[in-house]
Amino acid sequence: MKPVLLILDGQNAFFAAGHPSLPAFAPAVSGINEASGLLHAANWSIVFVQHVSDSKPAGSQRWGISSRLDCRPIDMRLNKTTESAFWNTGLDSLLRSQRIGTVVVAGFIAERCVLSTLRGAAERGYEALLLDGGIAGFDDRYTQFTLEVSAVITLDALRVEANE
């Protein structure tokens, strides 16, 4: 069974100059990009999940993936309208069609979207892991809590997995 990296909500709306969460979100970008580079080289699947809402309508500039993230044309994209990338989306079907067994979750709003998606993956029988150094929340305390209550994979461990 293959692994996948899910990158949640890396959208322009969160990376605009002056956004109050930018200082908390910026450090996670380097971890996400390092993981993406490793996984692209290993031919793992990467899915960018974009939240669609009234303030981020599909196709809008705010909805688009931030240029800070290493998003490539080969990467899959999926829209979601709730905190979990599994709820009312085709994500589970997509992953099963590709024989995915492990879901590594990275991205933004650790205490909401990241944690909801991680739990959604586990509820559907996937091995579900958070990317250590690749998530951020509105408050560092929430990010730390999310890491403490979840199964985590480090970049070093991911590097080993990707090279096997």
N, C-alpha and C. Protein backbone atom coordinates (compact mmCIF):
# COMPACT_ATOMS: atom_id res chain seq x y z
N MET A 1 0.84 -1.18 0.00
CA MET A 1 0.00 0.00 0.00
C MET A 1 0.88 1.24 0.00
N LYS A 2 0.53 2.17 -0.83
CA LYS A 2 1.32 3.39 -1.01
C LYS A 2 0.91 4.47 0.00
N PRO A 3 1.82 5.43 0.21
CA PRO A 3 1.50 6.59 1.06
C PRO A 3 1.10 7.80 0.21
N VAL A 4 0.50 8.77 0.88
CA VAL A 4 0.15 10.04 0.26
C VAL A 4 0.45 11.16 1.25
N LEU A 5 0.82 12.33 0.72
CA LEU A 5 0.96 13.53 1.53
C LEU A 5 -0.21 14.44 1.21
N LEU A 6 -1.01 14.76 2.22
CA LEU A 6 -2.10 15.72 2.07
C LEU A 6 -1.62 17.05 2.62
N ILE A 7 -1.70 18.10 1.81
CA ILE A 7 -1.31 19.44 2.24
C ILE A 7 -2.58 20.28 2.29
N LEU A 8 -2.96 20.66 3.49
CA LEU A 8 -4.24 21.35 3.70
C LEU A 8 -4.11 22.86 3.74
N ASP A 9 -4.97 23.52 3.03
CA ASP A 9 -5.23 24.95 3.17
C ASP A 9 -4.01 25.85 3.03
N GLY A 10 -3.12 25.51 2.15
CA GLY A 10 -1.95 26.36 1.89
C GLY A 10 -2.31 27.45 0.90
N GLN A 11 -3.32 28.18 1.22
CA GLN A 11 -3.93 29.12 0.28
C GLN A 11 -3.48 30.56 0.49
N ASN A 12 -3.55 31.31 -0.58
CA ASN A 12 -3.13 32.72 -0.56
C ASN A 12 -3.78 33.51 0.57
N ALA A 13 -5.00 33.19 0.92
CA ALA A 13 -5.71 33.93 1.97
C ALA A 13 -4.92 33.96 3.27
N PHE A 14 -4.19 32.88 3.58
CA PHE A 14 -3.44 32.81 4.84
C PHE A 14 -2.05 33.42 4.74
N PHE A 15 -1.59 33.70 3.52
CA PHE A 15 -0.23 34.18 3.34
C PHE A 15 -0.17 35.63 2.84
N ALA A 16 -1.29 36.31 2.89
CA ALA A 16 -1.32 37.72 2.48
C ALA A 16 -0.57 38.56 3.51
N ALA A 17 0.10 39.59 3.03
CA ALA A 17 0.82 40.51 3.93
C ALA A 17 -0.14 41.02 5.01
N GLY A 18 0.33 40.97 6.23
CA GLY A 18 -0.48 41.47 7.33
C GLY A 18 -1.45 40.47 7.93
N HIS A 19 -1.57 39.27 7.36
CA HIS A 19 -2.49 38.28 7.94
C HIS A 19 -1.97 37.94 9.35
N PRO A 20 -2.85 37.96 10.35
CA PRO A 20 -2.39 37.76 11.73
C PRO A 20 -1.73 36.40 12.00
N SER A 21 -1.99 35.40 11.20
CA SER A 21 -1.40 34.08 11.41
C SER A 21 -0.12 33.84 10.62
N LEU A 22 0.26 34.79 9.80
CA LEU A 22 1.44 34.61 8.95
C LEU A 22 2.69 34.24 9.75
N PRO A 23 2.99 34.88 10.88
CA PRO A 23 4.18 34.48 11.64
C PRO A 23 4.14 33.02 12.11
N ALA A 24 2.97 32.51 12.43
CA ALA A 24 2.85 31.12 12.87
C ALA A 24 2.89 30.15 11.69
N PHE A 25 2.37 30.56 10.55
CA PHE A 25 2.27 29.66 9.40
C PHE A 25 3.56 29.56 8.61
N ALA A 26 4.32 30.64 8.53
CA ALA A 26 5.52 30.67 7.68
C ALA A 26 6.53 29.56 8.00
N PRO A 27 6.83 29.25 9.26
CA PRO A 27 7.82 28.20 9.53
C PRO A 27 7.41 26.81 9.02
N ALA A 28 6.13 26.52 8.98
CA ALA A 28 5.68 25.21 8.50
C ALA A 28 5.92 25.04 7.01
N VAL A 29 6.02 26.13 6.28
CA VAL A 29 6.20 26.06 4.83
C VAL A 29 7.49 25.32 4.49
N SER A 30 8.58 25.60 5.20
CA SER A 30 9.84 24.93 4.87
C SER A 30 9.75 23.43 5.11
N GLY A 31 9.10 23.01 6.17
CA GLY A 31 8.91 21.58 6.43
C GLY A 31 8.05 20.92 5.36
N ILE A 32 7.00 21.59 4.96
CA ILE A 32 6.12 21.06 3.90
C ILE A 32 6.89 20.95 2.59
N ASN A 33 7.63 21.99 2.26
CA ASN A 33 8.38 21.97 0.99
C ASN A 33 9.48 20.91 0.99
N GLU A 34 10.13 20.71 2.13
CA GLU A 34 11.15 19.67 2.19
C GLU A 34 10.51 18.30 2.01
N ALA A 35 9.37 18.08 2.67
CA ALA A 35 8.66 16.81 2.51
C ALA A 35 8.19 16.62 1.07
N SER A 36 7.67 17.67 0.47
CA SER A 36 7.21 17.59 -0.92
C SER A 36 8.35 17.20 -1.85
N GLY A 37 9.51 17.80 -1.66
CA GLY A 37 10.67 17.47 -2.49
C GLY A 37 11.06 16.01 -2.37
N LEU A 38 11.09 15.51 -1.13
CA LEU A 38 11.41 14.10 -0.89
C LEU A 38 10.41 13.18 -1.58
N LEU A 39 9.14 13.54 -1.45
CA LEU A 39 8.09 12.67 -1.95
C LEU A 39 7.93 12.75 -3.45
N HIS A 40 8.17 13.92 -4.02
CA HIS A 40 8.18 14.00 -5.49
C HIS A 40 9.28 13.09 -6.04
N ALA A 41 10.45 13.12 -5.43
CA ALA A 41 11.58 12.29 -5.89
C ALA A 41 11.28 10.80 -5.75
N ALA A 42 10.47 10.44 -4.76
CA ALA A 42 10.12 9.03 -4.53
C ALA A 42 8.84 8.61 -5.26
N ASN A 43 8.26 9.52 -6.03
CA ASN A 43 7.01 9.26 -6.76
C ASN A 43 5.83 8.94 -5.86
N TRP A 44 5.80 9.55 -4.69
CA TRP A 44 4.62 9.45 -3.84
C TRP A 44 3.56 10.40 -4.37
N SER A 45 2.34 10.15 -4.03
CA SER A 45 1.25 11.06 -4.40
C SER A 45 1.20 12.22 -3.41
N ILE A 46 0.90 13.39 -3.94
CA ILE A 46 0.70 14.58 -3.12
C ILE A 46 -0.63 15.20 -3.53
N VAL A 47 -1.44 15.52 -2.53
CA VAL A 47 -2.74 16.14 -2.79
C VAL A 47 -2.80 17.46 -2.04
N PHE A 48 -3.04 18.54 -2.76
CA PHE A 48 -3.28 19.84 -2.15
C PHE A 48 -4.78 19.98 -1.98
N VAL A 49 -5.20 20.22 -0.74
CA VAL A 49 -6.61 20.36 -0.42
C VAL A 49 -6.88 21.83 -0.14
N GLN A 50 -7.84 22.37 -0.88
CA GLN A 50 -8.17 23.80 -0.77
C GLN A 50 -9.56 23.98 -0.19
N HIS A 51 -9.66 24.84 0.81
CA HIS A 51 -10.95 25.13 1.43
C HIS A 51 -11.70 26.16 0.58
N VAL A 52 -12.92 25.83 0.26
CA VAL A 52 -13.79 26.72 -0.50
C VAL A 52 -14.82 27.30 0.48
N SER A 53 -14.97 28.63 0.46
CA SER A 53 -15.94 29.30 1.32
C SER A 53 -16.36 30.60 0.66
N ASP A 54 -17.27 31.32 1.31
CA ASP A 54 -17.68 32.62 0.78
C ASP A 54 -16.49 33.56 0.65
N SER A 55 -15.55 33.48 1.58
CA SER A 55 -14.38 34.37 1.52
C SER A 55 -13.26 33.83 0.63
N LYS A 56 -13.37 32.55 0.25
CA LYS A 56 -12.38 31.91 -0.65
C LYS A 56 -13.11 31.11 -1.73
N PRO A 57 -13.83 31.78 -2.61
CA PRO A 57 -14.55 31.03 -3.64
C PRO A 57 -13.57 30.34 -4.60
N ALA A 58 -13.95 29.16 -5.06
CA ALA A 58 -13.11 28.40 -6.00
C ALA A 58 -12.74 29.28 -7.19
N GLY A 59 -11.46 29.24 -7.53
CA GLY A 59 -10.98 30.02 -8.66
C GLY A 59 -10.51 31.42 -8.32
N SER A 60 -10.79 31.87 -7.10
CA SER A 60 -10.39 33.23 -6.71
C SER A 60 -8.91 33.26 -6.32
N GLN A 61 -8.37 34.45 -6.25
CA GLN A 61 -6.97 34.62 -5.85
C GLN A 61 -6.77 34.12 -4.42
N ARG A 62 -7.68 34.41 -3.51
CA ARG A 62 -7.58 33.99 -2.11
C ARG A 62 -7.63 32.46 -1.97
N TRP A 63 -8.33 31.79 -2.88
CA TRP A 63 -8.47 30.33 -2.86
C TRP A 63 -7.22 29.63 -3.39
N GLY A 64 -6.47 30.30 -4.25
CA GLY A 64 -5.32 29.68 -4.90
C GLY A 64 -4.23 29.25 -3.93
N ILE A 65 -3.43 28.27 -4.36
CA ILE A 65 -2.31 27.78 -3.55
C ILE A 65 -1.22 28.84 -3.53
N SER A 66 -0.69 29.13 -2.34
CA SER A 66 0.37 30.12 -2.19
C SER A 66 1.61 29.71 -2.98
N SER A 67 2.23 30.67 -3.61
CA SER A 67 3.47 30.41 -4.36
C SER A 67 4.62 30.04 -3.42
N ARG A 68 4.43 30.21 -2.12
CA ARG A 68 5.46 29.80 -1.14
C ARG A 68 5.58 28.28 -1.07
N LEU A 69 4.52 27.58 -1.47
CA LEU A 69 4.51 26.12 -1.39
C LEU A 69 4.92 25.51 -2.72
N ASP A 70 5.60 24.37 -2.64
CA ASP A 70 6.09 23.65 -3.81
C ASP A 70 4.95 22.80 -4.38
N CYS A 71 4.04 23.45 -5.06
CA CYS A 71 2.90 22.78 -5.70
C CYS A 71 3.21 22.65 -7.18
N ARG A 72 3.21 21.42 -7.67
CA ARG A 72 3.58 21.15 -9.05
C ARG A 72 2.36 20.69 -9.86
N PRO A 73 2.43 20.83 -11.17
CA PRO A 73 1.29 20.41 -12.01
C PRO A 73 0.90 18.94 -11.82
N ILE A 74 1.84 18.08 -11.45
CA ILE A 74 1.52 16.66 -11.25
C ILE A 74 0.77 16.40 -9.95
N ASP A 75 0.80 17.36 -9.02
CA ASP A 75 0.11 17.19 -7.74
C ASP A 75 -1.40 17.27 -7.94
N MET A 76 -2.10 16.40 -7.24
CA MET A 76 -3.56 16.41 -7.31
C MET A 76 -4.09 17.56 -6.45
N ARG A 77 -5.28 17.98 -6.79
CA ARG A 77 -5.96 19.03 -6.01
C ARG A 77 -7.38 18.60 -5.72
N LEU A 78 -7.86 19.05 -4.57
CA LEU A 78 -9.20 18.68 -4.14
C LEU A 78 -9.77 19.84 -3.33
N ASN A 79 -11.03 20.13 -3.54
CA ASN A 79 -11.72 21.16 -2.75
C ASN A 79 -12.46 20.53 -1.59
N LYS A 80 -12.56 21.28 -0.50
CA LYS A 80 -13.36 20.86 0.65
C LYS A 80 -14.16 22.07 1.14
N THR A 81 -15.26 21.80 1.81
CA THR A 81 -16.08 22.89 2.34
C THR A 81 -16.24 22.79 3.85
N THR A 82 -15.64 21.76 4.46
CA THR A 82 -15.69 21.60 5.91
C THR A 82 -14.26 21.44 6.42
N GLU A 83 -14.10 21.26 7.70
CA GLU A 83 -12.76 21.13 8.26
C GLU A 83 -12.06 19.85 7.79
N SER A 84 -12.78 18.76 7.66
CA SER A 84 -12.18 17.49 7.25
C SER A 84 -12.14 17.38 5.72
N ALA A 85 -10.97 17.01 5.21
CA ALA A 85 -10.83 16.80 3.76
C ALA A 85 -11.56 15.53 3.32
N PHE A 86 -12.02 14.73 4.25
CA PHE A 86 -12.74 13.50 3.91
C PHE A 86 -14.25 13.70 3.86
N TRP A 87 -14.77 14.74 4.49
CA TRP A 87 -16.21 14.90 4.61
C TRP A 87 -16.80 15.48 3.33
N ASN A 88 -17.70 14.72 2.70
CA ASN A 88 -18.40 15.15 1.48
C ASN A 88 -17.46 15.54 0.35
N THR A 89 -16.34 14.81 0.24
CA THR A 89 -15.42 14.98 -0.89
C THR A 89 -15.16 13.60 -1.49
N GLY A 90 -14.46 13.56 -2.56
CA GLY A 90 -14.10 12.29 -3.17
C GLY A 90 -12.75 11.79 -2.73
N LEU A 91 -12.20 12.33 -1.64
CA LEU A 91 -10.84 11.97 -1.22
C LEU A 91 -10.70 10.48 -0.91
N ASP A 92 -11.60 9.92 -0.14
CA ASP A 92 -11.49 8.51 0.21
C ASP A 92 -11.49 7.64 -1.04
N SER A 93 -12.38 7.89 -1.96
CA SER A 93 -12.44 7.12 -3.22
C SER A 93 -11.15 7.28 -4.01
N LEU A 94 -10.64 8.50 -4.07
CA LEU A 94 -9.40 8.76 -4.79
C LEU A 94 -8.24 7.97 -4.19
N LEU A 95 -8.12 7.99 -2.87
CA LEU A 95 -7.03 7.28 -2.21
C LEU A 95 -7.16 5.77 -2.37
N ARG A 96 -8.37 5.27 -2.25
CA ARG A 96 -8.57 3.82 -2.40
C ARG A 96 -8.27 3.38 -3.83
N SER A 97 -8.62 4.20 -4.81
CA SER A 97 -8.36 3.84 -6.21
C SER A 97 -6.86 3.77 -6.49
N GLN A 98 -6.08 4.49 -5.69
CA GLN A 98 -4.62 4.48 -5.85
C GLN A 98 -3.94 3.53 -4.86
N ARG A 99 -4.73 2.76 -4.13
CA ARG A 99 -4.22 1.78 -3.17
C ARG A 99 -3.33 2.43 -2.10
N ILE A 100 -3.78 3.58 -1.63
CA ILE A 100 -3.07 4.31 -0.57
C ILE A 100 -3.36 3.65 0.77
N GLY A 101 -2.33 3.46 1.58
CA GLY A 101 -2.51 2.88 2.91
C GLY A 101 -2.12 3.82 4.03
N THR A 102 -1.22 4.76 3.74
CA THR A 102 -0.74 5.70 4.76
C THR A 102 -1.02 7.12 4.31
N VAL A 103 -1.60 7.91 5.19
CA VAL A 103 -1.90 9.31 4.93
C VAL A 103 -1.06 10.16 5.87
N VAL A 104 -0.19 10.99 5.29
CA VAL A 104 0.60 11.95 6.05
C VAL A 104 -0.06 13.30 5.85
N VAL A 105 -0.46 13.94 6.94
CA VAL A 105 -1.19 15.20 6.87
C VAL A 105 -0.26 16.34 7.26
N ALA A 106 -0.27 17.39 6.43
CA ALA A 106 0.48 18.62 6.68
C ALA A 106 -0.44 19.78 6.36
N GLY A 107 -0.05 20.98 6.79
CA GLY A 107 -0.82 22.15 6.41
C GLY A 107 -1.26 22.99 7.59
N PHE A 108 -2.39 23.62 7.39
CA PHE A 108 -2.74 24.75 8.25
C PHE A 108 -4.09 24.61 8.93
N ILE A 109 -4.16 25.33 10.00
CA ILE A 109 -5.19 25.32 11.02
C ILE A 109 -5.14 23.96 11.73
N ALA A 110 -4.03 23.75 12.42
CA ALA A 110 -3.73 22.48 13.09
C ALA A 110 -4.89 22.00 13.95
N GLU A 111 -5.45 22.89 14.72
CA GLU A 111 -6.47 22.52 15.69
C GLU A 111 -7.83 22.27 15.07
N ARG A 112 -7.97 22.57 13.81
CA ARG A 112 -9.27 22.39 13.15
C ARG A 112 -9.13 21.47 11.95
N CYS A 113 -8.68 21.99 10.83
CA CYS A 113 -8.66 21.22 9.58
C CYS A 113 -7.66 20.07 9.61
N VAL A 114 -6.47 20.32 10.15
CA VAL A 114 -5.45 19.27 10.20
C VAL A 114 -5.92 18.12 11.09
N LEU A 115 -6.35 18.43 12.28
CA LEU A 115 -6.78 17.39 13.22
C LEU A 115 -8.03 16.67 12.72
N SER A 116 -8.97 17.39 12.14
CA SER A 116 -10.19 16.76 11.60
C SER A 116 -9.87 15.82 10.46
N THR A 117 -8.95 16.22 9.59
CA THR A 117 -8.57 15.36 8.47
C THR A 117 -7.79 14.14 8.95
N LEU A 118 -6.91 14.34 9.91
CA LEU A 118 -6.16 13.22 10.48
C LEU A 118 -7.12 12.18 11.06
N ARG A 119 -8.08 12.64 11.81
CA ARG A 119 -9.06 11.72 12.41
C ARG A 119 -9.92 11.07 11.33
N GLY A 120 -10.27 11.84 10.31
CA GLY A 120 -11.04 11.28 9.20
C GLY A 120 -10.29 10.16 8.50
N ALA A 121 -8.99 10.31 8.35
CA ALA A 121 -8.17 9.27 7.73
C ALA A 121 -8.16 8.02 8.61
N ALA A 122 -7.93 8.20 9.90
CA ALA A 122 -7.88 7.07 10.83
C ALA A 122 -9.23 6.35 10.88
N GLU A 123 -10.33 7.11 10.89
CA GLU A 123 -11.66 6.52 10.93
C GLU A 123 -11.94 5.66 9.71
N ARG A 124 -11.26 5.93 8.61
CA ARG A 124 -11.47 5.18 7.37
C ARG A 124 -10.44 4.07 7.19
N GLY A 125 -9.63 3.84 8.22
CA GLY A 125 -8.72 2.70 8.22
C GLY A 125 -7.33 2.97 7.68
N TYR A 126 -7.00 4.21 7.40
CA TYR A 126 -5.65 4.53 6.94
C TYR A 126 -4.71 4.66 8.15
N GLU A 127 -3.44 4.37 7.93
CA GLU A 127 -2.44 4.76 8.92
C GLU A 127 -2.35 6.27 8.77
N ALA A 128 -2.63 7.01 9.81
CA ALA A 128 -2.73 8.47 9.74
C ALA A 128 -1.65 9.12 10.61
N LEU A 129 -0.82 9.96 9.98
CA LEU A 129 0.31 10.59 10.66
C LEU A 129 0.34 12.08 10.35
N LEU A 130 0.79 12.87 11.30
CA LEU A 130 1.04 14.29 11.07
C LEU A 130 2.50 14.48 10.72
N LEU A 131 2.78 15.45 9.86
CA LEU A 131 4.15 15.79 9.52
C LEU A 131 4.69 16.75 10.57
N ASP A 132 5.62 16.28 11.39
CA ASP A 132 6.24 17.12 12.41
C ASP A 132 7.00 18.25 11.70
N GLY A 133 6.74 19.48 12.10
CA GLY A 133 7.36 20.63 11.45
C GLY A 133 6.63 21.07 10.20
N GLY A 134 5.50 20.43 9.92
CA GLY A 134 4.75 20.75 8.71
C GLY A 134 3.31 21.12 8.97
N ILE A 135 2.99 21.51 10.21
CA ILE A 135 1.64 21.98 10.51
C ILE A 135 1.74 23.28 11.32
N ALA A 136 0.69 24.07 11.26
CA ALA A 136 0.62 25.29 12.06
C ALA A 136 -0.84 25.62 12.33
N GLY A 137 -1.05 26.27 13.46
CA GLY A 137 -2.40 26.68 13.84
C GLY A 137 -2.44 28.16 14.14
N PHE A 138 -3.59 28.61 14.56
CA PHE A 138 -3.76 30.03 14.87
C PHE A 138 -2.97 30.44 16.11
N ASP A 139 -2.59 29.46 16.91
CA ASP A 139 -1.83 29.72 18.13
C ASP A 139 -0.87 28.55 18.31
N ASP A 140 0.38 28.81 18.64
CA ASP A 140 1.37 27.75 18.79
C ASP A 140 0.96 26.71 19.84
N ARG A 141 0.20 27.13 20.83
CA ARG A 141 -0.27 26.16 21.84
C ARG A 141 -1.16 25.11 21.20
N TYR A 142 -2.00 25.52 20.24
CA TYR A 142 -2.89 24.59 19.56
C TYR A 142 -2.10 23.63 18.67
N THR A 143 -1.07 24.14 18.03
CA THR A 143 -0.22 23.29 17.20
C THR A 143 0.47 22.25 18.06
N GLN A 144 1.03 22.67 19.19
CA GLN A 144 1.70 21.73 20.09
C GLN A 144 0.74 20.68 20.61
N PHE A 145 -0.45 21.10 21.00
CA PHE A 145 -1.46 20.15 21.48
C PHE A 145 -1.79 19.14 20.39
N THR A 146 -1.99 19.61 19.17
CA THR A 146 -2.33 18.72 18.06
C THR A 146 -1.23 17.68 17.85
N LEU A 147 0.02 18.11 17.93
CA LEU A 147 1.14 17.17 17.79
C LEU A 147 1.19 16.18 18.95
N GLU A 148 0.90 16.65 20.16
CA GLU A 148 0.97 15.80 21.34
C GLU A 148 -0.08 14.70 21.34
N VAL A 149 -1.24 14.95 20.77
CA VAL A 149 -2.33 13.96 20.81
C VAL A 149 -2.41 13.12 19.54
N SER A 150 -1.42 13.24 18.67
CA SER A 150 -1.49 12.58 17.37
C SER A 150 -0.24 11.75 17.09
N ALA A 151 -0.38 10.78 16.21
CA ALA A 151 0.77 10.05 15.70
C ALA A 151 1.50 10.97 14.73
N VAL A 152 2.82 11.01 14.83
CA VAL A 152 3.62 11.98 14.10
C VAL A 152 4.74 11.26 13.34
N ILE A 153 5.10 11.81 12.19
CA ILE A 153 6.28 11.35 11.46
C ILE A 153 7.20 12.55 11.26
N THR A 154 8.48 12.36 11.54
CA THR A 154 9.45 13.43 11.37
C THR A 154 9.94 13.45 9.92
N LEU A 155 10.58 14.54 9.54
CA LEU A 155 11.18 14.60 8.20
C LEU A 155 12.25 13.53 8.02
N ASP A 156 13.03 13.27 9.06
CA ASP A 156 14.06 12.22 8.97
C ASP A 156 13.43 10.85 8.73
N ALA A 157 12.37 10.54 9.45
CA ALA A 157 11.69 9.25 9.25
C ALA A 157 11.03 9.19 7.88
N LEU A 158 10.48 10.31 7.44
CA LEU A 158 9.88 10.38 6.11
C LEU A 158 10.93 10.16 5.03
N ARG A 159 12.11 10.72 5.25
CA ARG A 159 13.22 10.54 4.30
C ARG A 159 13.57 9.06 4.17
N VAL A 160 13.63 8.35 5.30
CA VAL A 160 13.92 6.92 5.29
C VAL A 160 12.82 6.17 4.52
N GLU A 161 11.57 6.48 4.82
CA GLU A 161 10.44 5.83 4.15
C GLU A 161 10.46 6.07 2.64
N ALA A 162 10.77 7.30 2.26
CA ALA A 162 10.76 7.67 0.85
C ALA A 162 11.88 6.99 0.07
N ASN A 163 12.96 6.66 0.76
CA ASN A 163 14.11 6.05 0.08
C ASN A 163 14.08 4.52 0.09
N GLU A 164 13.07 3.93 0.71
CA GLU A 164 12.99 2.45 0.75
C GLU A 164 12.46 1.91 -0.54
